[in-house]
Amino acid sequence: MKATVKWTDGAMFVGETGSGHAVVMDGSPELGGRNLGPRPMEMLLVGTGGCSTYDVMSMLQKSRQKVVDCQVEIEAERADAVPAVFTRIHLHFVVTGIGLKENQVKRAVELSADKYCSASIMLAGAGVQMSHSYEIREFDGG
């Protein structure tokens, strides 16, 4: 896996993935940026959420759960000192579907956290306090 990140100006960078997708990252105006893209540390959170949600959805689909929507709300805390590493990250999954089985949702979230999500497991191994929760919502047809 490869990627490149190119500085454009100020605190703005363009990252390009090995699969050919690009994303603009930028800093706040206080740090020389123009606020035209997410911060690099925000990208790390989004990537972790994407990795974990991919696992959860894959498992729920394989177990034939009728998922209509799945999102993960992520909250994180960072150290007050430099480097301002993440110290705590909480992922809260909101899974909406028709007749979802709680044991299947719980198992998918736990397996992602403990076995499959490379990003989440890597962060935990680096000392980040990782936690996960979920809620199930019944699809109301609207």
N, C-alpha and C. Protein backbone atom coordinates (compact mmCIF):
# COMPACT_ATOMS: atom_id res chain seq x y z
N MET A 1 0.85 -1.17 0.00
CA MET A 1 0.00 0.00 0.00
C MET A 1 0.90 1.23 0.00
N LYS A 2 0.54 2.19 -0.83
CA LYS A 2 1.33 3.41 -0.92
C LYS A 2 0.41 4.62 -0.96
N ALA A 3 0.95 5.76 -0.62
CA ALA A 3 0.24 7.04 -0.71
C ALA A 3 1.29 8.14 -0.83
N THR A 4 0.84 9.28 -1.32
CA THR A 4 1.71 10.44 -1.33
C THR A 4 0.95 11.62 -0.74
N VAL A 5 1.69 12.53 -0.13
CA VAL A 5 1.12 13.76 0.39
C VAL A 5 2.00 14.89 -0.12
N LYS A 6 1.38 15.88 -0.77
CA LYS A 6 2.12 16.99 -1.35
C LYS A 6 1.67 18.29 -0.71
N TRP A 7 2.60 19.07 -0.25
CA TRP A 7 2.31 20.39 0.30
C TRP A 7 1.93 21.30 -0.85
N THR A 8 0.87 22.10 -0.67
CA THR A 8 0.47 23.06 -1.71
C THR A 8 0.84 24.47 -1.30
N ASP A 9 0.37 24.92 -0.13
CA ASP A 9 0.81 26.20 0.43
C ASP A 9 0.26 26.32 1.85
N GLY A 10 0.80 27.27 2.60
CA GLY A 10 0.33 27.46 3.97
C GLY A 10 0.36 26.15 4.75
N ALA A 11 -0.81 25.74 5.23
CA ALA A 11 -0.93 24.48 5.96
C ALA A 11 -1.80 23.50 5.18
N MET A 12 -1.80 23.62 3.83
CA MET A 12 -2.62 22.76 2.99
C MET A 12 -1.77 21.71 2.29
N PHE A 13 -2.31 20.50 2.28
CA PHE A 13 -1.65 19.37 1.65
C PHE A 13 -2.69 18.60 0.84
N VAL A 14 -2.26 17.94 -0.22
CA VAL A 14 -3.13 17.04 -0.98
C VAL A 14 -2.55 15.64 -0.84
N GLY A 15 -3.37 14.74 -0.31
CA GLY A 15 -2.96 13.35 -0.19
C GLY A 15 -3.57 12.55 -1.32
N GLU A 16 -2.77 11.66 -1.91
CA GLU A 16 -3.29 10.78 -2.95
C GLU A 16 -2.98 9.34 -2.57
N THR A 17 -4.01 8.53 -2.62
CA THR A 17 -3.86 7.13 -2.25
C THR A 17 -3.32 6.33 -3.43
N GLY A 18 -2.83 5.16 -3.14
CA GLY A 18 -2.34 4.27 -4.18
C GLY A 18 -3.42 3.87 -5.17
N SER A 19 -4.68 3.96 -4.74
CA SER A 19 -5.79 3.62 -5.63
C SER A 19 -6.23 4.82 -6.46
N GLY A 20 -5.52 5.95 -6.33
CA GLY A 20 -5.77 7.10 -7.17
C GLY A 20 -6.77 8.12 -6.67
N HIS A 21 -7.15 8.04 -5.41
CA HIS A 21 -8.10 9.01 -4.85
C HIS A 21 -7.34 10.09 -4.10
N ALA A 22 -7.86 11.32 -4.18
CA ALA A 22 -7.17 12.44 -3.56
C ALA A 22 -8.06 13.09 -2.51
N VAL A 23 -7.41 13.68 -1.51
CA VAL A 23 -8.12 14.42 -0.48
C VAL A 23 -7.27 15.63 -0.09
N VAL A 24 -7.95 16.76 0.11
CA VAL A 24 -7.27 17.97 0.57
C VAL A 24 -7.33 18.01 2.08
N MET A 25 -6.20 18.29 2.71
CA MET A 25 -6.14 18.50 4.15
C MET A 25 -5.63 19.91 4.37
N ASP A 26 -6.18 20.57 5.38
CA ASP A 26 -5.77 21.95 5.63
C ASP A 26 -5.85 22.23 7.12
N GLY A 27 -5.09 23.20 7.54
CA GLY A 27 -5.08 23.63 8.93
C GLY A 27 -6.01 24.80 9.16
N SER A 28 -6.14 25.15 10.41
CA SER A 28 -6.96 26.30 10.79
C SER A 28 -6.22 27.58 10.42
N PRO A 29 -6.95 28.68 10.27
CA PRO A 29 -6.29 29.96 9.97
C PRO A 29 -5.25 30.35 11.03
N GLU A 30 -5.51 29.98 12.29
CA GLU A 30 -4.55 30.30 13.36
C GLU A 30 -3.20 29.61 13.15
N LEU A 31 -3.23 28.52 12.40
CA LEU A 31 -1.99 27.76 12.15
C LEU A 31 -1.49 27.92 10.73
N GLY A 32 -1.99 28.94 10.02
CA GLY A 32 -1.51 29.20 8.67
C GLY A 32 -2.33 28.57 7.57
N GLY A 33 -3.42 27.93 7.92
CA GLY A 33 -4.27 27.30 6.91
C GLY A 33 -5.42 28.19 6.51
N ARG A 34 -6.26 27.67 5.63
CA ARG A 34 -7.44 28.41 5.18
C ARG A 34 -8.72 27.63 5.47
N ASN A 35 -8.62 26.56 6.24
CA ASN A 35 -9.78 25.76 6.64
C ASN A 35 -10.52 25.20 5.41
N LEU A 36 -9.78 24.73 4.41
CA LEU A 36 -10.38 24.22 3.19
C LEU A 36 -10.47 22.70 3.15
N GLY A 37 -10.13 22.05 4.24
CA GLY A 37 -10.21 20.59 4.28
C GLY A 37 -10.05 20.12 5.71
N PRO A 38 -10.25 18.83 5.92
CA PRO A 38 -10.10 18.29 7.27
C PRO A 38 -8.64 18.33 7.71
N ARG A 39 -8.46 18.30 9.02
CA ARG A 39 -7.13 18.24 9.59
C ARG A 39 -6.61 16.80 9.44
N PRO A 40 -5.31 16.61 9.37
CA PRO A 40 -4.76 15.26 9.26
C PRO A 40 -5.21 14.32 10.40
N MET A 41 -5.29 14.84 11.62
CA MET A 41 -5.72 13.98 12.73
C MET A 41 -7.20 13.62 12.60
N GLU A 42 -8.00 14.51 12.01
CA GLU A 42 -9.40 14.18 11.74
C GLU A 42 -9.48 13.06 10.71
N MET A 43 -8.57 13.07 9.74
CA MET A 43 -8.54 12.00 8.73
C MET A 43 -8.25 10.66 9.38
N LEU A 44 -7.40 10.68 10.40
CA LEU A 44 -7.09 9.44 11.12
C LEU A 44 -8.35 8.90 11.79
N LEU A 45 -9.15 9.77 12.39
CA LEU A 45 -10.41 9.35 13.01
C LEU A 45 -11.38 8.82 11.97
N VAL A 46 -11.53 9.55 10.86
CA VAL A 46 -12.45 9.12 9.81
C VAL A 46 -12.01 7.77 9.23
N GLY A 47 -10.73 7.60 9.04
CA GLY A 47 -10.21 6.32 8.54
C GLY A 47 -10.50 5.18 9.49
N THR A 48 -10.34 5.42 10.78
CA THR A 48 -10.63 4.40 11.78
C THR A 48 -12.12 4.05 11.76
N GLY A 49 -12.96 5.08 11.69
CA GLY A 49 -14.40 4.84 11.61
C GLY A 49 -14.79 4.09 10.36
N GLY A 50 -14.17 4.43 9.23
CA GLY A 50 -14.46 3.73 7.99
C GLY A 50 -14.03 2.28 8.04
N CYS A 51 -12.87 2.02 8.59
CA CYS A 51 -12.36 0.66 8.72
C CYS A 51 -13.30 -0.19 9.57
N SER A 52 -13.69 0.34 10.71
CA SER A 52 -14.55 -0.39 11.63
C SER A 52 -15.96 -0.58 11.07
N THR A 53 -16.51 0.45 10.43
CA THR A 53 -17.85 0.35 9.87
C THR A 53 -17.87 -0.65 8.71
N TYR A 54 -16.80 -0.69 7.95
CA TYR A 54 -16.69 -1.68 6.88
C TYR A 54 -16.81 -3.09 7.46
N ASP A 55 -16.08 -3.35 8.53
CA ASP A 55 -16.14 -4.68 9.18
C ASP A 55 -17.55 -4.99 9.67
N VAL A 56 -18.14 -4.04 10.40
CA VAL A 56 -19.47 -4.26 10.98
C VAL A 56 -20.48 -4.55 9.88
N MET A 57 -20.48 -3.75 8.83
CA MET A 57 -21.44 -3.96 7.74
C MET A 57 -21.20 -5.28 7.02
N SER A 58 -19.97 -5.63 6.81
CA SER A 58 -19.65 -6.89 6.14
C SER A 58 -20.21 -8.07 6.94
N MET A 59 -20.00 -8.05 8.25
CA MET A 59 -20.50 -9.15 9.08
C MET A 59 -22.02 -9.17 9.14
N LEU A 60 -22.65 -8.01 9.25
CA LEU A 60 -24.11 -7.97 9.31
C LEU A 60 -24.73 -8.43 7.99
N GLN A 61 -24.12 -8.07 6.88
CA GLN A 61 -24.63 -8.53 5.59
C GLN A 61 -24.46 -10.03 5.42
N LYS A 62 -23.32 -10.56 5.87
CA LYS A 62 -23.09 -12.01 5.78
C LYS A 62 -24.07 -12.78 6.66
N SER A 63 -24.51 -12.18 7.76
CA SER A 63 -25.47 -12.85 8.64
C SER A 63 -26.91 -12.52 8.24
N ARG A 64 -27.07 -11.94 7.07
CA ARG A 64 -28.38 -11.66 6.47
C ARG A 64 -29.26 -10.72 7.30
N GLN A 65 -28.61 -9.77 7.95
CA GLN A 65 -29.36 -8.77 8.68
C GLN A 65 -29.83 -7.70 7.70
N LYS A 66 -31.04 -7.22 7.86
CA LYS A 66 -31.61 -6.23 6.95
C LYS A 66 -31.26 -4.82 7.44
N VAL A 67 -30.04 -4.40 7.12
CA VAL A 67 -29.54 -3.09 7.54
C VAL A 67 -29.96 -2.05 6.49
N VAL A 68 -30.56 -0.97 6.96
CA VAL A 68 -30.96 0.13 6.09
C VAL A 68 -29.95 1.28 6.20
N ASP A 69 -29.34 1.45 7.37
CA ASP A 69 -28.38 2.53 7.58
C ASP A 69 -27.42 2.12 8.70
N CYS A 70 -26.19 2.54 8.57
CA CYS A 70 -25.20 2.30 9.62
C CYS A 70 -24.26 3.48 9.64
N GLN A 71 -24.09 4.06 10.80
CA GLN A 71 -23.10 5.13 10.94
C GLN A 71 -22.39 4.96 12.27
N VAL A 72 -21.19 5.50 12.33
CA VAL A 72 -20.45 5.47 13.57
C VAL A 72 -20.13 6.90 13.97
N GLU A 73 -20.48 7.23 15.21
CA GLU A 73 -20.17 8.55 15.77
C GLU A 73 -18.90 8.38 16.59
N ILE A 74 -17.92 9.20 16.31
CA ILE A 74 -16.60 9.04 16.93
C ILE A 74 -16.29 10.25 17.79
N GLU A 75 -15.88 9.99 19.01
CA GLU A 75 -15.42 11.05 19.90
C GLU A 75 -14.01 10.70 20.34
N ALA A 76 -13.15 11.71 20.36
CA ALA A 76 -11.76 11.46 20.72
C ALA A 76 -11.23 12.56 21.62
N GLU A 77 -10.24 12.20 22.40
CA GLU A 77 -9.51 13.16 23.23
C GLU A 77 -8.04 13.05 22.87
N ARG A 78 -7.37 14.20 22.94
CA ARG A 78 -5.94 14.24 22.64
C ARG A 78 -5.18 14.75 23.85
N ALA A 79 -3.92 14.40 23.90
CA ALA A 79 -3.04 14.87 24.97
C ALA A 79 -2.88 16.37 24.86
N ASP A 80 -2.68 17.03 26.01
CA ASP A 80 -2.50 18.48 26.04
C ASP A 80 -1.08 18.89 25.66
N ALA A 81 -0.17 17.94 25.62
CA ALA A 81 1.23 18.24 25.34
C ALA A 81 1.58 17.79 23.92
N VAL A 82 2.72 18.27 23.44
CA VAL A 82 3.24 17.85 22.14
C VAL A 82 4.05 16.59 22.34
N PRO A 83 3.85 15.54 21.60
CA PRO A 83 2.87 15.42 20.52
C PRO A 83 1.46 15.23 21.07
N ALA A 84 0.49 15.86 20.42
CA ALA A 84 -0.91 15.80 20.87
C ALA A 84 -1.58 14.54 20.32
N VAL A 85 -1.09 13.41 20.82
CA VAL A 85 -1.60 12.11 20.37
C VAL A 85 -3.01 11.87 20.91
N PHE A 86 -3.73 10.98 20.25
CA PHE A 86 -5.03 10.57 20.79
C PHE A 86 -4.79 9.76 22.05
N THR A 87 -5.55 10.06 23.08
CA THR A 87 -5.47 9.29 24.32
C THR A 87 -6.70 8.41 24.50
N ARG A 88 -7.82 8.83 23.91
CA ARG A 88 -9.08 8.08 24.03
C ARG A 88 -9.89 8.27 22.76
N ILE A 89 -10.45 7.17 22.26
CA ILE A 89 -11.35 7.22 21.11
C ILE A 89 -12.53 6.30 21.41
N HIS A 90 -13.72 6.84 21.24
CA HIS A 90 -14.95 6.04 21.43
C HIS A 90 -15.71 6.00 20.11
N LEU A 91 -16.07 4.80 19.68
CA LEU A 91 -16.86 4.61 18.47
C LEU A 91 -18.24 4.12 18.88
N HIS A 92 -19.27 4.87 18.50
CA HIS A 92 -20.66 4.51 18.82
C HIS A 92 -21.38 4.24 17.50
N PHE A 93 -21.76 2.99 17.31
CA PHE A 93 -22.44 2.58 16.08
C PHE A 93 -23.94 2.75 16.24
N VAL A 94 -24.56 3.34 15.25
CA VAL A 94 -26.01 3.46 15.18
C VAL A 94 -26.43 2.66 13.95
N VAL A 95 -27.07 1.52 14.21
CA VAL A 95 -27.45 0.61 13.14
C VAL A 95 -28.97 0.61 13.03
N THR A 96 -29.46 0.95 11.85
CA THR A 96 -30.90 1.00 11.60
C THR A 96 -31.25 -0.11 10.61
N GLY A 97 -32.31 -0.82 10.93
CA GLY A 97 -32.70 -1.90 10.03
C GLY A 97 -34.07 -2.44 10.36
N ILE A 98 -34.38 -3.55 9.73
CA ILE A 98 -35.66 -4.21 9.89
C ILE A 98 -35.44 -5.52 10.65
N GLY A 99 -35.96 -5.58 11.87
CA GLY A 99 -35.85 -6.80 12.67
C GLY A 99 -34.42 -7.23 12.97
N LEU A 100 -33.54 -6.28 13.21
CA LEU A 100 -32.14 -6.63 13.50
C LEU A 100 -32.03 -7.43 14.79
N LYS A 101 -31.15 -8.41 14.79
CA LYS A 101 -30.91 -9.22 15.98
C LYS A 101 -29.77 -8.58 16.77
N GLU A 102 -30.07 -8.24 18.03
CA GLU A 102 -29.07 -7.56 18.85
C GLU A 102 -27.79 -8.37 18.98
N ASN A 103 -27.92 -9.68 19.14
CA ASN A 103 -26.70 -10.49 19.30
C ASN A 103 -25.81 -10.41 18.07
N GLN A 104 -26.39 -10.25 16.89
CA GLN A 104 -25.59 -10.14 15.67
C GLN A 104 -24.88 -8.78 15.60
N VAL A 105 -25.58 -7.71 15.98
CA VAL A 105 -24.97 -6.38 15.98
C VAL A 105 -23.86 -6.32 17.02
N LYS A 106 -24.14 -6.81 18.21
CA LYS A 106 -23.14 -6.81 19.28
C LYS A 106 -21.89 -7.58 18.86
N ARG A 107 -22.10 -8.74 18.29
CA ARG A 107 -20.97 -9.58 17.85
C ARG A 107 -20.15 -8.89 16.76
N ALA A 108 -20.82 -8.25 15.81
CA ALA A 108 -20.12 -7.56 14.72
C ALA A 108 -19.25 -6.43 15.28
N VAL A 109 -19.79 -5.65 16.21
CA VAL A 109 -19.03 -4.54 16.80
C VAL A 109 -17.84 -5.08 17.60
N GLU A 110 -18.07 -6.14 18.38
CA GLU A 110 -16.99 -6.71 19.18
C GLU A 110 -15.90 -7.32 18.31
N LEU A 111 -16.28 -8.05 17.26
CA LEU A 111 -15.27 -8.65 16.39
C LEU A 111 -14.47 -7.59 15.64
N SER A 112 -15.12 -6.53 15.23
CA SER A 112 -14.38 -5.44 14.58
C SER A 112 -13.36 -4.87 15.55
N ALA A 113 -13.79 -4.61 16.78
CA ALA A 113 -12.91 -4.00 17.79
C ALA A 113 -11.75 -4.91 18.18
N ASP A 114 -12.03 -6.20 18.32
CA ASP A 114 -11.04 -7.12 18.89
C ASP A 114 -10.22 -7.91 17.87
N LYS A 115 -10.75 -8.04 16.64
CA LYS A 115 -10.11 -8.96 15.71
C LYS A 115 -9.85 -8.40 14.31
N TYR A 116 -10.76 -7.59 13.77
CA TYR A 116 -10.68 -7.25 12.36
C TYR A 116 -10.24 -5.83 12.01
N CYS A 117 -10.60 -4.83 12.77
CA CYS A 117 -10.32 -3.45 12.36
C CYS A 117 -8.84 -3.13 12.61
N SER A 118 -8.08 -3.14 11.54
CA SER A 118 -6.64 -2.89 11.63
C SER A 118 -6.33 -1.53 12.27
N ALA A 119 -7.09 -0.51 11.89
CA ALA A 119 -6.82 0.84 12.41
C ALA A 119 -7.09 0.91 13.91
N SER A 120 -8.24 0.42 14.34
CA SER A 120 -8.61 0.46 15.74
C SER A 120 -7.63 -0.35 16.60
N ILE A 121 -7.29 -1.53 16.13
CA ILE A 121 -6.38 -2.40 16.87
C ILE A 121 -4.98 -1.80 16.93
N MET A 122 -4.54 -1.16 15.85
CA MET A 122 -3.24 -0.51 15.83
C MET A 122 -3.19 0.63 16.84
N LEU A 123 -4.25 1.45 16.88
CA LEU A 123 -4.29 2.55 17.83
C LEU A 123 -4.30 2.05 19.27
N ALA A 124 -5.08 0.99 19.52
CA ALA A 124 -5.10 0.42 20.88
C ALA A 124 -3.72 -0.08 21.27
N GLY A 125 -3.01 -0.69 20.32
CA GLY A 125 -1.66 -1.18 20.59
C GLY A 125 -0.68 -0.06 20.87
N ALA A 126 -1.00 1.15 20.40
CA ALA A 126 -0.14 2.31 20.64
C ALA A 126 -0.53 3.03 21.93
N GLY A 127 -1.47 2.46 22.68
CA GLY A 127 -1.82 3.02 23.97
C GLY A 127 -3.06 3.89 23.99
N VAL A 128 -3.78 3.97 22.87
CA VAL A 128 -5.02 4.74 22.86
C VAL A 128 -6.11 3.91 23.53
N GLN A 129 -6.83 4.52 24.45
CA GLN A 129 -7.94 3.83 25.11
C GLN A 129 -9.12 3.80 24.13
N MET A 130 -9.37 2.62 23.57
CA MET A 130 -10.43 2.46 22.57
C MET A 130 -11.66 1.87 23.25
N SER A 131 -12.83 2.41 22.92
CA SER A 131 -14.08 1.83 23.42
C SER A 131 -15.11 1.87 22.30
N HIS A 132 -16.07 0.97 22.40
CA HIS A 132 -17.09 0.80 21.36
C HIS A 132 -18.45 0.61 22.02
N SER A 133 -19.47 1.14 21.39
CA SER A 133 -20.84 0.90 21.84
C SER A 133 -21.72 0.87 20.60
N TYR A 134 -22.98 0.51 20.79
CA TYR A 134 -23.89 0.45 19.66
C TYR A 134 -25.31 0.71 20.13
N GLU A 135 -26.14 1.11 19.18
CA GLU A 135 -27.57 1.15 19.42
C GLU A 135 -28.24 0.68 18.14
N ILE A 136 -29.40 0.09 18.32
CA ILE A 136 -30.17 -0.43 17.20
C ILE A 136 -31.44 0.38 17.08
N ARG A 137 -31.72 0.80 15.86
CA ARG A 137 -32.95 1.52 15.60
C ARG A 137 -33.76 0.74 14.57
N GLU A 138 -35.05 0.60 14.84
CA GLU A 138 -35.95 -0.08 13.90
C GLU A 138 -36.31 0.89 12.79
N PHE A 139 -36.17 0.44 11.55
CA PHE A 139 -36.51 1.26 10.38
C PHE A 139 -38.02 1.46 10.36
N ASP A 140 -38.44 2.72 10.25
CA ASP A 140 -39.88 3.03 10.31
C ASP A 140 -40.51 3.21 8.92
N GLY A 141 -39.72 2.94 7.90
CA GLY A 141 -40.25 3.05 6.55
C GLY A 141 -40.24 4.45 5.98
N GLY A 142 -39.85 5.43 6.77
CA GLY A 142 -39.87 6.82 6.31
C GLY A 142 -38.58 7.25 5.83
